[in-house]
C-alpha atoms as a PDB file:
ATOM      1  CA  MET A   1     118.043 -18.550 227.864  1.00  0.00           C
ATOM      2  CA  PRO A   2     116.515 -15.157 226.953  1.00  0.00           C
ATOM      3  CA  ALA A   3     118.640 -12.664 225.045  1.00  0.00           C
ATOM      4  CA  VAL A   4     120.205  -9.766 226.924  1.00  0.00           C
ATOM      5  CA  LYS A   5     118.186  -6.540 226.688  1.00  0.00           C
ATOM      6  CA  HIS A   6     120.284  -4.372 229.006  1.00  0.00           C
ATOM      7  CA  PHE A   7     123.911  -4.558 228.022  1.00  0.00           C
ATOM      8  CA  ASP A   8     126.878  -4.738 230.356  1.00  0.00           C
ATOM      9  CA  PRO A   9     128.711  -1.377 230.194  1.00  0.00           C
ATOM     10  CA  LYS A  10     131.995  -3.285 229.804  1.00  0.00           C
ATOM     11  CA  VAL A  11     130.642  -4.997 226.674  1.00  0.00           C
ATOM     12  CA  ILE A  12     129.585  -1.666 225.171  1.00  0.00           C
ATOM     13  CA  SER A  13     132.955  -0.128 226.073  1.00  0.00           C
ATOM     14  CA  LEU A  14     134.850  -2.951 224.345  1.00  0.00           C
ATOM     15  CA  LEU A  15     132.707  -2.669 221.224  1.00  0.00           C
ATOM     16  CA  SER A  16     132.844   1.146 221.144  1.00  0.00           C
ATOM     17  CA  GLU A  17     136.614   0.963 220.748  1.00  0.00           C
ATOM     18  CA  LYS A  18     136.230  -1.235 217.680  1.00  0.00           C
ATOM     19  CA  ILE A  19     133.270   0.294 215.815  1.00  0.00           C
ATOM     20  CA  GLN A  20     133.735   3.212 213.430  1.00  0.00           C
ATOM     21  CA  ARG A  21     130.916   5.044 211.663  1.00  0.00           C
ATOM     22  CA  ILE A  22     131.626   6.094 208.070  1.00  0.00           C
ATOM     23  CA  PRO A  23     129.111   8.572 206.609  1.00  0.00           C
ATOM     24  CA  SER A  24     127.558   7.262 203.400  1.00  0.00           C
ATOM     25  CA  ASP A  25     125.090   8.640 200.866  1.00  0.00           C
ATOM     26  CA  GLN A  26     121.558   9.938 201.476  1.00  0.00           C
ATOM     27  CA  GLY A  27     121.738  10.000 205.253  1.00  0.00           C
ATOM     28  CA  LYS A  28     122.987   6.414 205.581  1.00  0.00           C
ATOM     29  CA  SER A  29     126.018   5.135 207.455  1.00  0.00           C
ATOM     30  CA  ILE A  30     128.527   2.344 207.104  1.00  0.00           C
ATOM     31  CA  TYR A  31     129.543   0.772 210.420  1.00  0.00           C
ATOM     32  CA  LEU A  32     133.011  -0.768 210.342  1.00  0.00           C
ATOM     33  CA  VAL A  33     133.909  -3.188 213.142  1.00  0.00           C
ATOM     34  CA  GLY A  34     137.519  -4.201 213.762  1.00  0.00           C
ATOM     35  CA  PRO A  35     140.391  -4.796 213.609  1.00  0.00           C
ATOM     36  CA  ILE A  36     140.179  -8.372 214.859  1.00  0.00           C
ATOM     37  CA  LYS A  37     143.154 -10.731 214.795  1.00  0.00           C
ATOM     38  CA  LEU A  38     142.530 -13.472 212.243  1.00  0.00           C
ATOM     39  CA  PRO A  39     145.177 -16.186 211.778  1.00  0.00           C
ATOM     40  CA  VAL A  40     144.702 -17.714 208.324  1.00  0.00           C
ATOM     41  CA  ASN A  41     145.982 -20.970 206.861  1.00  0.00           C
ATOM     42  CA  LEU A  42     147.491 -19.794 203.567  1.00  0.00           C
ATOM     43  CA  TYR A  43     149.085 -22.601 201.526  1.00  0.00           C
ATOM     44  CA  GLY A  44     150.062 -24.475 204.702  1.00  0.00           C
ATOM     45  CA  GLU A  45     151.490 -21.456 206.516  1.00  0.00           C
ATOM     46  CA  THR A  46     149.697 -19.557 209.285  1.00  0.00           C
ATOM     47  CA  VAL A  47     149.549 -15.844 208.451  1.00  0.00           C
ATOM     48  CA  GLU A  48     148.008 -13.234 210.724  1.00  0.00           C
ATOM     49  CA  PHE A  49     145.619 -10.731 209.200  1.00  0.00           C
ATOM     50  CA  LYS A  50     143.523  -8.003 210.771  1.00  0.00           C
ATOM     51  CA  TRP A  51     139.873  -8.542 209.908  1.00  0.00           C
ATOM     52  CA  TYR A  52     137.134  -5.914 209.601  1.00  0.00           C
ATOM     53  CA  CYS A  53     133.475  -6.303 208.665  1.00  0.00           C
ATOM     54  CA  TRP A  54     131.030  -3.594 207.652  1.00  0.00           C
ATOM     55  CA  LEU A  55     127.283  -3.116 207.708  1.00  0.00           C
ATOM     56  CA  ASN A  56     125.071  -0.592 205.927  1.00  0.00           C
ATOM     57  CA  CYS A  57     122.506   1.148 208.107  1.00  0.00           C
ATOM     58  CA  ARG A  58     119.771   3.664 207.336  1.00  0.00           C
ATOM     59  CA  GLU A  59     120.249   5.299 210.719  1.00  0.00           C
ATOM     60  CA  GLU A  60     123.086   7.673 211.590  1.00  0.00           C
ATOM     61  CA  THR A  61     124.038   7.263 215.242  1.00  0.00           C
ATOM     62  CA  ASP A  62     127.211   7.025 217.288  1.00  0.00           C
ATOM     63  CA  ASP A  63     125.356   5.256 220.105  1.00  0.00           C
ATOM     64  CA  VAL A  64     126.970   1.824 219.999  1.00  0.00           C
ATOM     65  CA  GLU A  65     124.493   0.350 222.478  1.00  0.00           C
ATOM     66  CA  ARG A  66     121.618   1.346 220.192  1.00  0.00           C
ATOM     67  CA  ILE A  67     123.358  -0.278 217.232  1.00  0.00           C
ATOM     68  CA  VAL A  68     123.956  -3.530 219.138  1.00  0.00           C
ATOM     69  CA  ALA A  69     120.379  -3.587 220.447  1.00  0.00           C
ATOM     70  CA  LYS A  70     118.945  -3.231 216.948  1.00  0.00           C
ATOM     71  CA  LEU A  71     121.028  -6.095 215.546  1.00  0.00           C
ATOM     72  CA  SER A  72     119.164  -8.742 217.568  1.00  0.00           C
ATOM     73  CA  ASP A  73     115.918  -7.622 215.900  1.00  0.00           C
ATOM     74  CA  ILE A  74     117.353  -8.030 212.395  1.00  0.00           C
ATOM     75  CA  ASN A  75     117.993 -11.399 210.803  1.00  0.00           C
ATOM     76  CA  LEU A  76     121.523 -10.605 209.646  1.00  0.00           C
ATOM     77  CA  ALA A  77     122.016 -14.213 208.614  1.00  0.00           C
ATOM     78  CA  GLU A  78     119.548 -13.517 205.792  1.00  0.00           C
ATOM     79  CA  MET A  79     121.638 -10.558 204.635  1.00  0.00           C
ATOM     80  CA  GLN A  80     125.121 -10.290 203.200  1.00  0.00           C
ATOM     81  CA  GLN A  81     127.866  -8.306 204.902  1.00  0.00           C
ATOM     82  CA  SER A  82     131.203  -7.523 203.298  1.00  0.00           C
ATOM     83  CA  SER A  83     134.569  -7.509 205.011  1.00  0.00           C
ATOM     84  CA  VAL A  84     138.243  -6.763 204.532  1.00  0.00           C
ATOM     85  CA  LEU A  85     141.449  -8.589 205.453  1.00  0.00           C
ATOM     86  CA  VAL A  86     144.346  -6.248 206.219  1.00  0.00           C
ATOM     87  CA  HIS A  87     148.000  -7.283 206.398  1.00  0.00           C
ATOM     88  CA  GLY A  88     150.994  -5.278 207.586  1.00  0.00           C
ATOM     89  CA  ASP A  89     151.003  -1.515 208.147  1.00  0.00           C
ATOM     90  CA  PHE A  90     148.279  -0.838 205.607  1.00  0.00           C
ATOM     91  CA  ALA A  91     147.572   2.714 206.736  1.00  0.00           C
ATOM     92  CA  ASN A  92     151.142   4.018 206.616  1.00  0.00           C
ATOM     93  CA  ALA A  93     153.216   1.877 204.239  1.00  0.00           C
ATOM     94  CA  GLU A  94     154.430   3.726 201.157  1.00  0.00           C
ATOM     95  CA  ARG A  95     153.303   0.924 198.848  1.00  0.00           C
ATOM     96  CA  ALA A  96     150.314  -1.319 199.506  1.00  0.00           C
ATOM     97  CA  LEU A  97     148.398  -3.858 197.426  1.00  0.00           C
ATOM     98  CA  ILE A  98     144.612  -4.078 197.412  1.00  0.00           C
ATOM     99  CA  ARG A  99     142.176  -6.524 195.894  1.00  0.00           C
ATOM    100  CA  PHE A 100     138.428  -5.939 195.449  1.00  0.00           C
ATOM    101  CA  HIS A 101     137.259  -9.566 195.399  1.00  0.00           C
ATOM    102  CA  SER A 102     133.669 -10.393 194.522  1.00  0.00           C
ATOM    103  CA  ILE A 103     132.180 -13.258 196.507  1.00  0.00           C
ATOM    104  CA  CYS A 104     131.955 -16.525 194.594  1.00  0.00           C
ATOM    105  CA  HIS A 105     130.143 -19.193 196.614  1.00  0.00           C
ATOM    106  CA  THR A 106     131.044 -21.973 194.184  1.00  0.00           C
ATOM    107  CA  GLY A 107     134.655 -20.951 193.538  1.00  0.00           C
ATOM    108  CA  ASP A 108     135.759 -19.580 196.906  1.00  0.00           C
ATOM    109  CA  ILE A 109     134.063 -22.206 199.092  1.00  0.00           C
ATOM    110  CA  PHE A 110     133.685 -25.337 196.968  1.00  0.00           C
ATOM    111  CA  GLY A 111     136.761 -24.797 194.769  1.00  0.00           C
ATOM    112  CA  SER A 112     134.792 -24.844 191.510  1.00  0.00           C
ATOM    113  CA  LYS A 113     136.892 -24.992 188.343  1.00  0.00           C
ATOM    114  CA  ARG A 114     134.178 -23.291 186.276  1.00  0.00           C
ATOM    115  CA  CYS A 115     135.804 -19.961 187.151  1.00  0.00           C
ATOM    116  CA  ASP A 116     139.124 -18.677 188.482  1.00  0.00           C
ATOM    117  CA  CYS A 117     137.696 -16.950 191.568  1.00  0.00           C
ATOM    118  CA  GLY A 118     139.014 -19.331 194.225  1.00  0.00           C
ATOM    119  CA  TYR A 119     142.456 -19.173 192.656  1.00  0.00           C
ATOM    120  CA  GLN A 120     142.362 -15.375 192.520  1.00  0.00           C
ATOM    121  CA  LEU A 121     141.256 -15.152 196.162  1.00  0.00           C
ATOM    122  CA  LYS A 122     144.147 -17.228 197.505  1.00  0.00           C
ATOM    123  CA  GLN A 123     146.703 -15.752 195.097  1.00  0.00           C
ATOM    124  CA  SER A 124     145.707 -12.206 196.075  1.00  0.00           C
ATOM    125  CA  MET A 125     146.214 -13.031 199.742  1.00  0.00           C
ATOM    126  CA  LYS A 126     149.569 -14.615 198.880  1.00  0.00           C
ATOM    127  CA  HIS A 127     150.695 -11.521 196.916  1.00  0.00           C
ATOM    128  CA  ILE A 128     149.663  -9.225 199.775  1.00  0.00           C
ATOM    129  CA  VAL A 129     151.561 -11.286 202.356  1.00  0.00           C
ATOM    130  CA  GLU A 130     154.671 -11.505 200.168  1.00  0.00           C
ATOM    131  CA  HIS A 131     154.533  -7.761 199.531  1.00  0.00           C
ATOM    132  CA  GLY A 132     154.156  -7.067 203.250  1.00  0.00           C
ATOM    133  CA  HIS A 133     151.302  -4.550 203.263  1.00  0.00           C
ATOM    134  CA  GLY A 134     147.840  -4.707 201.735  1.00  0.00           C
ATOM    135  CA  ALA A 135     144.144  -5.415 202.029  1.00  0.00           C
ATOM    136  CA  LEU A 136     141.688  -7.817 200.444  1.00  0.00           C
ATOM    137  CA  PHE A 137     138.112  -6.510 200.287  1.00  0.00           C
ATOM    138  CA  TYR A 138     135.616  -9.388 200.176  1.00  0.00           C
ATOM    139  CA  LEU A 139     132.454  -7.998 198.598  1.00  0.00           C
ATOM    140  CA  ALA A 140     129.467 -10.072 199.638  1.00  0.00           C
ATOM    141  CA  ASN A 141     126.775  -8.543 197.408  1.00  0.00           C
ATOM    142  CA  HIS A 142     128.682  -9.227 194.189  1.00  0.00           C
ATOM    143  CA  GLU A 143     127.770 -12.875 193.574  1.00  0.00           C
ATOM    144  CA  GLY A 144     127.471 -13.612 189.846  1.00  0.00           C
ATOM    145  CA  ARG A 145     128.554 -10.035 188.988  1.00  0.00           C
ATOM    146  CA  GLY A 146     125.725  -8.750 191.133  1.00  0.00           C
ATOM    147  CA  ILE A 147     122.832 -11.051 190.164  1.00  0.00           C
ATOM    148  CA  GLY A 148     122.869 -13.183 193.337  1.00  0.00           C
ATOM    149  CA  LEU A 149     123.466 -16.863 193.985  1.00  0.00           C
ATOM    150  CA  PHE A 150     120.071 -18.241 192.905  1.00  0.00           C
ATOM    151  CA  SER A 151     120.207 -16.306 189.622  1.00  0.00           C
ATOM    152  CA  LYS A 152     123.796 -17.437 189.137  1.00  0.00           C
ATOM    153  CA  ALA A 153     122.620 -21.051 189.415  1.00  0.00           C
ATOM    154  CA  MET A 154     120.100 -20.416 186.628  1.00  0.00           C
ATOM    155  CA  ALA A 155     122.821 -18.715 184.575  1.00  0.00           C
ATOM    156  CA  TYR A 156     124.956 -21.830 184.979  1.00  0.00           C
ATOM    157  CA  ILE A 157     122.143 -23.921 183.485  1.00  0.00           C
ATOM    158  CA  LEU A 158     122.134 -21.650 180.442  1.00  0.00           C
ATOM    159  CA  GLN A 159     125.933 -21.845 180.223  1.00  0.00           C
ATOM    160  CA  GLU A 160     125.716 -25.625 180.200  1.00  0.00           C
ATOM    161  CA  ASN A 161     123.496 -25.257 177.142  1.00  0.00           C
ATOM    162  CA  GLY A 162     125.765 -23.059 175.042  1.00  0.00           C
ATOM    163  CA  TYR A 163     125.322 -19.515 176.373  1.00  0.00           C
ATOM    164  CA  ASP A 164     128.424 -17.656 177.476  1.00  0.00           C
ATOM    165  CA  THR A 165     128.648 -15.791 180.792  1.00  0.00           C
ATOM    166  CA  VAL A 166     127.468 -12.477 179.377  1.00  0.00           C
ATOM    167  CA  ASP A 167     124.531 -13.816 177.361  1.00  0.00           C
ATOM    168  CA  ALA A 168     123.362 -15.988 180.270  1.00  0.00           C
ATOM    169  CA  ASN A 169     123.023 -12.890 182.475  1.00  0.00           C
ATOM    170  CA  LEU A 170     121.349 -10.902 179.707  1.00  0.00           C
ATOM    171  CA  GLN A 171     118.843 -13.674 178.952  1.00  0.00           C
ATOM    172  CA  LEU A 172     117.773 -13.643 182.619  1.00  0.00           C
ATOM    173  CA  GLY A 173     117.007  -9.935 182.439  1.00  0.00           C
ATOM    174  CA  PHE A 174     120.208  -8.674 184.073  1.00  0.00           C
ATOM    175  CA  VAL A 175     122.988  -6.483 182.754  1.00  0.00           C
ATOM    176  CA  ASP A 176     126.377  -8.107 182.225  1.00  0.00           C
ATOM    177  CA  ASP A 177     127.857  -6.543 185.371  1.00  0.00           C
ATOM    178  CA  SER A 178     125.874  -4.640 188.022  1.00  0.00           C
ATOM    179  CA  ARG A 179     128.516  -4.550 190.759  1.00  0.00           C
ATOM    180  CA  ASP A 180     128.987  -1.349 192.739  1.00  0.00           C
ATOM    181  CA  TYR A 181     132.184  -0.500 194.599  1.00  0.00           C
ATOM    182  CA  GLY A 182     131.005   2.627 196.431  1.00  0.00           C
ATOM    183  CA  ASP A 183     130.891   1.173 199.951  1.00  0.00           C
ATOM    184  CA  ALA A 184     134.224  -0.616 199.564  1.00  0.00           C
ATOM    185  CA  ILE A 185     135.822   2.631 198.398  1.00  0.00           C
ATOM    186  CA  LYS A 186     134.515   4.488 201.461  1.00  0.00           C
ATOM    187  CA  VAL A 187     135.934   1.796 203.740  1.00  0.00           C
ATOM    188  CA  LEU A 188     139.251   1.934 201.858  1.00  0.00           C
ATOM    189  CA  GLU A 189     139.403   5.697 202.360  1.00  0.00           C
ATOM    190  CA  ALA A 190     138.793   5.189 206.090  1.00  0.00           C
ATOM    191  CA  LEU A 191     141.689   2.731 206.324  1.00  0.00           C
ATOM    192  CA  ARG A 192     144.267   4.348 204.019  1.00  0.00           C
ATOM    193  CA  THR A 193     144.829   7.724 202.361  1.00  0.00           C
ATOM    194  CA  LYS A 194     148.046   6.934 200.477  1.00  0.00           C
ATOM    195  CA  PRO A 195     148.190   5.550 196.898  1.00  0.00           C
ATOM    196  CA  VAL A 196     147.419   1.883 196.284  1.00  0.00           C
ATOM    197  CA  THR A 197     148.299  -0.794 193.758  1.00  0.00           C
ATOM    198  CA  LEU A 198     145.229  -2.709 192.577  1.00  0.00           C
ATOM    199  CA  ILE A 199     145.308  -6.456 191.910  1.00  0.00           C
ATOM    200  CA  THR A 200     142.903  -6.902 188.993  1.00  0.00           C
ATOM    201  CA  ASN A 201     142.385  -7.667 185.326  1.00  0.00           C
ATOM    202  CA  ASN A 202     139.149  -5.658 185.275  1.00  0.00           C
ATOM    203  CA  PRO A 203     139.341  -2.029 184.062  1.00  0.00           C
ATOM    204  CA  LYS A 204     135.946  -1.290 185.661  1.00  0.00           C
ATOM    205  CA  LYS A 205     137.531  -1.674 189.089  1.00  0.00           C
ATOM    206  CA  LEU A 206     140.302   0.719 188.095  1.00  0.00           C
ATOM    207  CA  ASP A 207     137.723   3.192 186.815  1.00  0.00           C
ATOM    208  CA  ALA A 208     135.686   2.959 190.015  1.00  0.00           C
ATOM    209  CA  LEU A 209     138.702   3.895 192.115  1.00  0.00           C
ATOM    210  CA  THR A 210     140.004   6.668 189.884  1.00  0.00           C
ATOM    211  CA  ASN A 211     136.530   8.155 189.349  1.00  0.00           C
ATOM    212  CA  ALA A 212     136.183   8.356 193.127  1.00  0.00           C
ATOM    213  CA  GLY A 213     139.383  10.393 193.249  1.00  0.00           C
ATOM    214  CA  LEU A 214     141.645   7.705 194.705  1.00  0.00           C
ATOM    215  CA  ASP A 215     145.306   7.532 193.750  1.00  0.00           C
ATOM    216  CA  VAL A 216     146.007   4.210 192.022  1.00  0.00           C
ATOM    217  CA  GLU A 217     149.722   4.084 191.334  1.00  0.00           C
ATOM    218  CA  ASP A 218     149.876   0.690 189.652  1.00  0.00           C
ATOM    219  CA  ARG A 219     148.023  -2.473 188.675  1.00  0.00           C
ATOM    220  CA  VAL A 220     148.989  -6.117 189.156  1.00  0.00           C
ATOM    221  CA  GLN A 221     147.553  -8.712 186.797  1.00  0.00           C
ATOM    222  CA  LEU A 222     146.143 -11.970 188.144  1.00  0.00           C
ATOM    223  CA  TRP A 223     145.754 -14.695 185.535  1.00  0.00           C
ATOM    224  CA  GLY A 224     146.171 -18.417 186.077  1.00  0.00           C
ATOM    225  CA  ASP A 225     144.501 -21.747 186.853  1.00  0.00           C
ATOM    226  CA  VAL A 226     143.296 -22.117 183.252  1.00  0.00           C
ATOM    227  CA  SER A 227     141.643 -25.456 182.528  1.00  0.00           C
ATOM    228  CA  GLU A 228     139.203 -27.108 180.153  1.00  0.00           C
ATOM    229  CA  TYR A 229     136.431 -26.156 182.587  1.00  0.00           C
ATOM    230  CA  ASN A 230     136.986 -22.390 182.609  1.00  0.00           C
ATOM    231  CA  GLU A 231     138.749 -21.666 179.314  1.00  0.00           C
ATOM    232  CA  LYS A 232     135.578 -20.317 177.656  1.00  0.00           C
ATOM    233  CA  TYR A 233     134.713 -18.306 180.794  1.00  0.00           C
ATOM    234  CA  LEU A 234     138.140 -16.628 180.834  1.00  0.00           C
ATOM    235  CA  LYS A 235     138.004 -15.948 177.092  1.00  0.00           C
ATOM    236  CA  THR A 236     134.580 -14.293 177.513  1.00  0.00           C
ATOM    237  CA  LYS A 237     136.000 -12.075 180.268  1.00  0.00           C
ATOM    238  CA  VAL A 238     138.506 -10.629 177.802  1.00  0.00           C
ATOM    239  CA  GLU A 239     136.473 -10.598 174.598  1.00  0.00           C
ATOM    240  CA  ARG A 240     133.097  -9.458 175.939  1.00  0.00           C
ATOM    241  CA  SER A 241     133.550  -8.043 179.450  1.00  0.00           C
ATOM    242  CA  GLY A 242     136.580  -5.898 178.710  1.00  0.00           C
ATOM    243  CA  HIS A 243     139.091  -7.559 181.000  1.00  0.00           C
ATOM    244  CA  MET A 244     142.720  -6.919 180.152  1.00  0.00           C
ATOM    245  CA  GLY A 245     144.349 -10.093 178.862  1.00  0.00           C
ATOM    246  CA  GLU A 246     147.880 -11.249 179.477  1.00  0.00           C
ATOM    247  CA  GLU A 247     148.915 -10.096 176.019  1.00  0.00           C
ATOM    248  CA  GLU A 248     148.171  -6.516 177.093  1.00  0.00           C
ATOM    249  CA  GLU A 249     150.614  -6.596 179.993  1.00  0.00           C
ATOM    250  CA  GLU A 250     153.761  -5.458 178.169  1.00  0.00           C
ATOM    251  CA  GLY A 251     154.926  -2.206 179.659  1.00  0.00           C
ATOM    252  CA  CYS A 252     152.790  -2.617 182.793  1.00  0.00           C
ATOM    253  CA  CYS A 253     154.601  -2.862 186.099  1.00  0.00           C
ATOM    254  CA  ASN A 254     153.302  -6.107 187.568  1.00  0.00           C
ATOM    255  CA  ASN A 255     154.493  -8.782 189.917  1.00  0.00           C
ATOM    256  CA  ASP A 256     152.814 -11.871 188.431  1.00  0.00           C
END
């Protein structure tokens, strides 16, 4: 059956109500679609989130039909799009938790024990639900700290032969961490203007938010799921990548 070329006005009307354009840098735009009800199985309990997804575009237009028409000419399956899960009254609640979670194909999907990413993903969602209000940003272009999945696989080969996480990236010609949080911050600003509490052990995420002028009122640590498989990885995070270890948590208001 051939694809539709002339769209039903009802379809465009429905989509127009759910698509928001966020101006970005250098004449680009971020298109945010949602919210969409998303019931999630979280530790055996069904929890309802509101799901958004965003797409970067070089064209600035508020013509939703033009946006939809262009999508069928782009192989979006070959590209990565990020998204955000929102729980509770994220826009208006006085206190809200957020997590900037970098995609980890092996940890988030397969449950790999080489890292703590899958654990952090589910625990962040659990903290947000227990708190009542929050958002988890799932950043799709952050695989392997920004080097991509194929390069991450090569880095794993080096790690199996004695290199730590940092040196494996460096030996492949990458920097230790090339992740950028600019788009996620713009989406956050579109969804909430009040202060946030960030779930992280990584000071670079804190810096990204504060340097962008956002009000971060607190930080929640997220350590756990330590095993023989990821002990060296977690130690490298603290000793070489600057992550704040559990021993640095005294005096910090945290819920873990």
